[in-house]
């Protein structure tokens, strides 16, 4: 049920606002990079294509007719957990193809967090990605008239808070070359925990698909974090990893 909204005008409006907000924050917070406009475009396209493709992976083979006809790419249904990994991979591939050898991840962390945070409000408006039934006073009734955890708003709060923290770290020069990895790891931990209040089927070891992806995501970005941390003191040359 991750990212399977009913496509409504309100949802579309919020998603457009999320993209515009991310672009605006990027312009206001990113430090100048020694790359051309063409290289910037390549990185943006890499992130978009990689994120969109990976986000669709769990849904590609659920409906063979939709896959063959191409409808699967236009219909709702996507997962942020794999989308983040795909976006990272897409950026890395595009940077290598465009000849970019400098670090770009720190500058992307805050805009990405802002955009995703606002996008999750769109999920709330659309009435998707909600949580399990709850007796808590802030439970929200969606399509089935059952008070549920508004997990979309919980996640929006997480990403917007992460954006504020990442900006604060950037102003103080902390966790240089590592901030986007730190953000992704924090999100995967958050997602693993909050899956317990989301209605998703358990696929293995009593865990949901998204919990398994989250565990893999933490392992992947922890390894990348350690790799960059080991190289940073001795390497004076910029590398292509985000």
Protein backbone atom coordinates (compact mmCIF):
# COMPACT_ATOMS: atom_id res chain seq x y z
CA UNK A 1 0.00 0.00 0.00
CA UNK A 2 3.08 2.23 -0.04
CA UNK A 3 2.54 5.06 -2.50
CA UNK A 4 -0.70 3.87 -4.12
CA UNK A 5 -2.82 7.02 -4.03
CA UNK A 6 -6.01 7.87 -5.73
CA UNK A 7 -4.89 10.42 -8.32
CA UNK A 8 -6.95 13.51 -7.53
CA UNK A 9 -6.41 17.18 -8.44
CA UNK A 10 -5.49 17.92 -4.82
CA UNK A 11 -2.90 15.13 -4.81
CA UNK A 12 -1.39 16.36 -8.07
CA UNK A 13 -1.27 19.93 -6.74
CA UNK A 14 0.57 18.88 -3.59
CA UNK A 15 3.04 16.77 -5.55
CA UNK A 16 3.78 19.67 -7.90
CA UNK A 17 4.26 21.89 -4.84
CA UNK A 18 6.69 19.33 -3.41
CA UNK A 19 8.82 19.43 -6.56
CA UNK A 20 8.79 23.22 -6.71
CA UNK A 21 9.69 23.46 -3.02
CA UNK A 22 12.59 21.07 -3.49
CA UNK A 23 13.86 23.07 -6.45
CA UNK A 24 13.56 26.34 -4.53
CA UNK A 25 15.34 24.97 -1.47
CA UNK A 26 18.06 23.59 -3.73
CA UNK A 27 18.66 27.02 -5.26
CA UNK A 28 18.73 28.69 -1.84
CA UNK A 29 20.90 26.18 0.03
CA UNK A 30 23.23 24.46 -2.44
CA UNK A 31 26.82 25.60 -2.54
CA UNK A 32 28.17 26.40 -6.03
CA UNK A 33 29.52 23.27 -7.73
CA UNK A 34 32.19 23.15 -10.40
CA UNK A 35 29.93 21.45 -12.93
CA UNK A 36 28.24 22.61 -16.12
CA UNK A 37 24.52 23.06 -16.71
CA UNK A 38 24.57 19.94 -18.88
CA UNK A 39 26.11 17.94 -16.06
CA UNK A 40 23.51 19.28 -13.63
CA UNK A 41 20.77 18.20 -16.01
CA UNK A 42 22.33 14.75 -16.33
CA UNK A 43 22.38 14.34 -12.55
CA UNK A 44 18.75 15.47 -12.24
CA UNK A 45 17.62 13.08 -14.97
CA UNK A 46 19.61 10.25 -13.43
CA UNK A 47 17.94 10.80 -10.08
CA UNK A 48 14.48 11.02 -11.67
CA UNK A 49 14.81 7.96 -13.89
CA UNK A 50 16.56 5.81 -11.30
CA UNK A 51 14.14 6.76 -8.55
CA UNK A 52 11.04 6.25 -10.72
CA UNK A 53 12.22 2.86 -12.01
CA UNK A 54 13.26 1.41 -8.65
CA UNK A 55 10.11 2.75 -6.97
CA UNK A 56 8.03 0.69 -9.39
CA UNK A 57 9.96 -2.58 -9.05
CA UNK A 58 7.62 -4.29 -6.53
CA UNK A 59 4.64 -3.59 -8.81
CA UNK A 60 6.08 -4.51 -12.20
CA UNK A 61 5.10 -8.17 -12.18
CA UNK A 62 1.87 -8.01 -10.19
CA UNK A 63 -0.17 -7.45 -13.36
CA UNK A 64 1.43 -8.98 -16.44
CA UNK A 65 -1.07 -7.37 -18.82
CA UNK A 66 -0.33 -3.93 -17.37
CA UNK A 67 3.40 -4.59 -17.70
CA UNK A 68 3.11 -5.65 -21.35
CA UNK A 69 0.84 -2.73 -22.26
CA UNK A 70 2.95 -0.22 -20.33
CA UNK A 71 0.05 0.82 -18.05
CA UNK A 72 2.06 -0.15 -15.00
CA UNK A 73 4.26 2.94 -15.42
CA UNK A 74 1.26 5.27 -15.43
CA UNK A 75 -0.91 3.69 -12.77
CA UNK A 76 -0.53 4.38 -9.07
CA UNK A 77 1.71 2.22 -6.92
CA UNK A 78 5.31 2.96 -5.98
CA UNK A 79 7.57 2.67 -2.96
CA UNK A 80 9.79 5.39 -1.54
CA UNK A 81 12.13 2.86 0.07
CA UNK A 82 13.37 1.54 -3.26
CA UNK A 83 12.92 4.94 -4.90
CA UNK A 84 15.61 6.46 -2.69
CA UNK A 85 18.03 3.67 -3.53
CA UNK A 86 17.21 3.99 -7.22
CA UNK A 87 17.67 7.74 -7.16
CA UNK A 88 21.11 7.31 -5.58
CA UNK A 89 22.09 4.70 -8.18
CA UNK A 90 20.76 6.92 -10.97
CA UNK A 91 22.84 9.86 -9.77
CA UNK A 92 25.98 7.74 -9.58
CA UNK A 93 25.50 6.33 -13.08
CA UNK A 94 24.72 9.73 -14.59
CA UNK A 95 27.72 11.34 -12.89
CA UNK A 96 30.06 8.76 -14.34
CA UNK A 97 28.54 9.15 -17.79
CA UNK A 98 28.75 12.96 -17.57
CA UNK A 99 32.32 12.95 -16.23
CA UNK A 100 31.43 14.45 -12.83
CA UNK A 101 34.05 13.63 -10.20
CA UNK A 102 32.97 15.81 -7.30
CA UNK A 103 30.70 15.05 -4.36
CA UNK A 104 27.10 16.16 -4.79
CA UNK A 105 25.16 14.33 -2.07
CA UNK A 106 25.42 16.94 0.68
CA UNK A 107 23.80 19.57 -1.53
CA UNK A 108 20.92 17.25 -2.44
CA UNK A 109 20.03 16.08 1.06
CA UNK A 110 17.98 19.07 2.24
CA UNK A 111 16.00 19.59 -1.00
CA UNK A 112 15.19 15.87 -1.21
CA UNK A 113 13.98 15.78 2.40
CA UNK A 114 11.80 18.86 1.89
CA UNK A 115 10.29 17.50 -1.32
CA UNK A 116 9.51 14.10 0.18
CA UNK A 117 8.07 15.65 3.33
CA UNK A 118 5.62 17.74 1.35
CA UNK A 119 4.90 14.81 -0.95
CA UNK A 120 3.78 12.72 2.02
CA UNK A 121 1.18 15.38 2.76
CA UNK A 122 -0.10 14.63 -0.74
CA UNK A 123 -0.48 10.98 0.30
CA UNK A 124 -2.54 12.12 3.27
CA UNK A 125 -4.76 14.24 1.01
CA UNK A 126 -5.22 11.28 -1.34
CA UNK A 127 -6.00 8.91 1.53
CA UNK A 128 -3.29 6.35 0.80
CA UNK A 129 -0.39 4.92 2.81
CA UNK A 130 -2.39 5.13 6.05
CA UNK A 131 -1.72 3.12 9.17
CA UNK A 132 -3.41 0.55 11.33
CA UNK A 133 -6.54 1.27 13.40
CA UNK A 134 -5.90 3.31 16.54
CA UNK A 135 -7.80 4.60 19.56
CA UNK A 136 -5.52 7.63 19.83
CA UNK A 137 -7.32 10.99 19.65
CA UNK A 138 -5.52 12.03 16.45
CA UNK A 139 -6.64 8.96 14.51
CA UNK A 140 -7.98 9.86 11.06
CA UNK A 141 -10.85 8.21 9.20
CA UNK A 142 -10.07 7.58 5.56
CA UNK A 143 -12.11 5.53 3.08
CA UNK A 144 -13.34 2.83 5.44
CA UNK A 145 -14.53 5.07 8.29
CA UNK A 146 -12.05 3.48 10.71
CA UNK A 147 -9.82 5.74 12.81
CA UNK A 148 -6.26 5.01 11.75
CA UNK A 149 -2.73 6.22 12.39
CA UNK A 150 -2.04 9.10 9.95
CA UNK A 151 1.31 7.57 9.04
CA UNK A 152 1.59 9.95 6.09
CA UNK A 153 1.76 12.90 8.50
CA UNK A 154 4.16 11.06 10.81
CA UNK A 155 6.46 10.57 7.83
CA UNK A 156 6.03 14.14 6.61
CA UNK A 157 7.12 15.32 10.07
CA UNK A 158 10.14 13.01 9.92
CA UNK A 159 11.36 14.28 6.55
CA UNK A 160 10.76 17.97 7.28
CA UNK A 161 12.52 17.61 10.65
CA UNK A 162 15.36 15.81 8.89
CA UNK A 163 15.60 18.69 6.41
CA UNK A 164 15.95 21.19 9.26
CA UNK A 165 18.60 19.06 10.98
CA UNK A 166 20.52 18.49 7.74
CA UNK A 167 20.52 22.23 7.08
CA UNK A 168 21.83 22.87 10.59
CA UNK A 169 24.58 20.27 10.11
CA UNK A 170 25.50 21.87 6.79
CA UNK A 171 25.81 25.34 8.29
CA UNK A 172 28.28 23.94 10.81
CA UNK A 173 30.19 21.80 8.35
CA UNK A 174 29.35 18.57 10.13
CA UNK A 175 29.22 15.15 8.48
CA UNK A 176 30.68 16.51 5.27
CA UNK A 177 30.38 14.12 2.28
CA UNK A 178 28.09 11.95 4.40
CA UNK A 179 24.87 13.85 5.04
CA UNK A 180 22.70 12.24 2.39
CA UNK A 181 23.82 8.79 3.51
CA UNK A 182 23.07 9.72 7.12
CA UNK A 183 19.60 10.89 6.07
CA UNK A 184 18.86 7.73 4.09
CA UNK A 185 20.00 5.48 6.95
CA UNK A 186 17.85 7.41 9.43
CA UNK A 187 14.85 7.09 7.11
CA UNK A 188 15.29 3.34 6.68
CA UNK A 189 15.46 2.90 10.46
CA UNK A 190 12.37 5.08 10.84
CA UNK A 191 10.54 3.12 8.15
CA UNK A 192 11.45 -0.24 9.67
CA UNK A 193 9.97 0.83 13.01
CA UNK A 194 6.82 2.46 11.67
CA UNK A 195 5.95 -0.53 9.48
CA UNK A 196 4.52 -2.05 12.66
CA UNK A 197 1.69 0.50 12.47
CA UNK A 198 1.09 0.15 8.73
CA UNK A 199 -1.17 -2.43 7.16
CA UNK A 200 1.22 -4.40 5.00
CA UNK A 201 1.44 -8.18 4.50
CA UNK A 202 4.24 -10.06 6.23
CA UNK A 203 6.35 -11.73 3.57
CA UNK A 204 9.27 -13.32 5.48
CA UNK A 205 10.45 -13.67 9.07
CA UNK A 206 7.34 -11.83 10.22
CA UNK A 207 8.49 -8.71 8.38
CA UNK A 208 6.93 -6.72 5.55
CA UNK A 209 8.58 -6.24 2.18
CA UNK A 210 9.40 -2.65 3.13
CA UNK A 211 11.07 -3.73 6.36
CA UNK A 212 13.28 -6.10 4.40
CA UNK A 213 14.12 -3.32 1.94
CA UNK A 214 14.83 -0.98 4.87
CA UNK A 215 17.27 -3.48 6.38
CA UNK A 216 19.04 -3.74 3.03
CA UNK A 217 19.06 0.04 2.70
CA UNK A 218 20.67 0.53 6.10
CA UNK A 219 23.34 -2.05 5.26
CA UNK A 220 24.03 -0.49 1.85
CA UNK A 221 24.39 3.10 3.03
CA UNK A 222 26.28 2.13 6.18
CA UNK A 223 28.82 0.41 3.93
CA UNK A 224 29.02 3.48 1.67
CA UNK A 225 29.34 5.71 4.73
CA UNK A 226 32.23 3.61 6.08
CA UNK A 227 33.88 3.54 2.65
CA UNK A 228 33.82 7.32 2.31
CA UNK A 229 34.89 7.83 5.92
CA UNK A 230 37.91 5.60 5.37
CA UNK A 231 38.92 7.42 2.18
CA UNK A 232 38.35 10.98 3.40
CA UNK A 233 41.51 11.44 5.54
CA UNK A 234 43.90 10.15 2.87
CA UNK A 235 42.27 11.10 -0.43
CA UNK A 236 42.71 14.60 -1.79
CA UNK A 237 41.08 13.81 -5.09
CA UNK A 238 37.33 14.10 -5.39
CA UNK A 239 35.45 10.91 -6.08
CA UNK A 240 32.23 10.24 -7.94
CA UNK A 241 30.23 8.79 -5.08
CA UNK A 242 27.30 10.95 -3.92
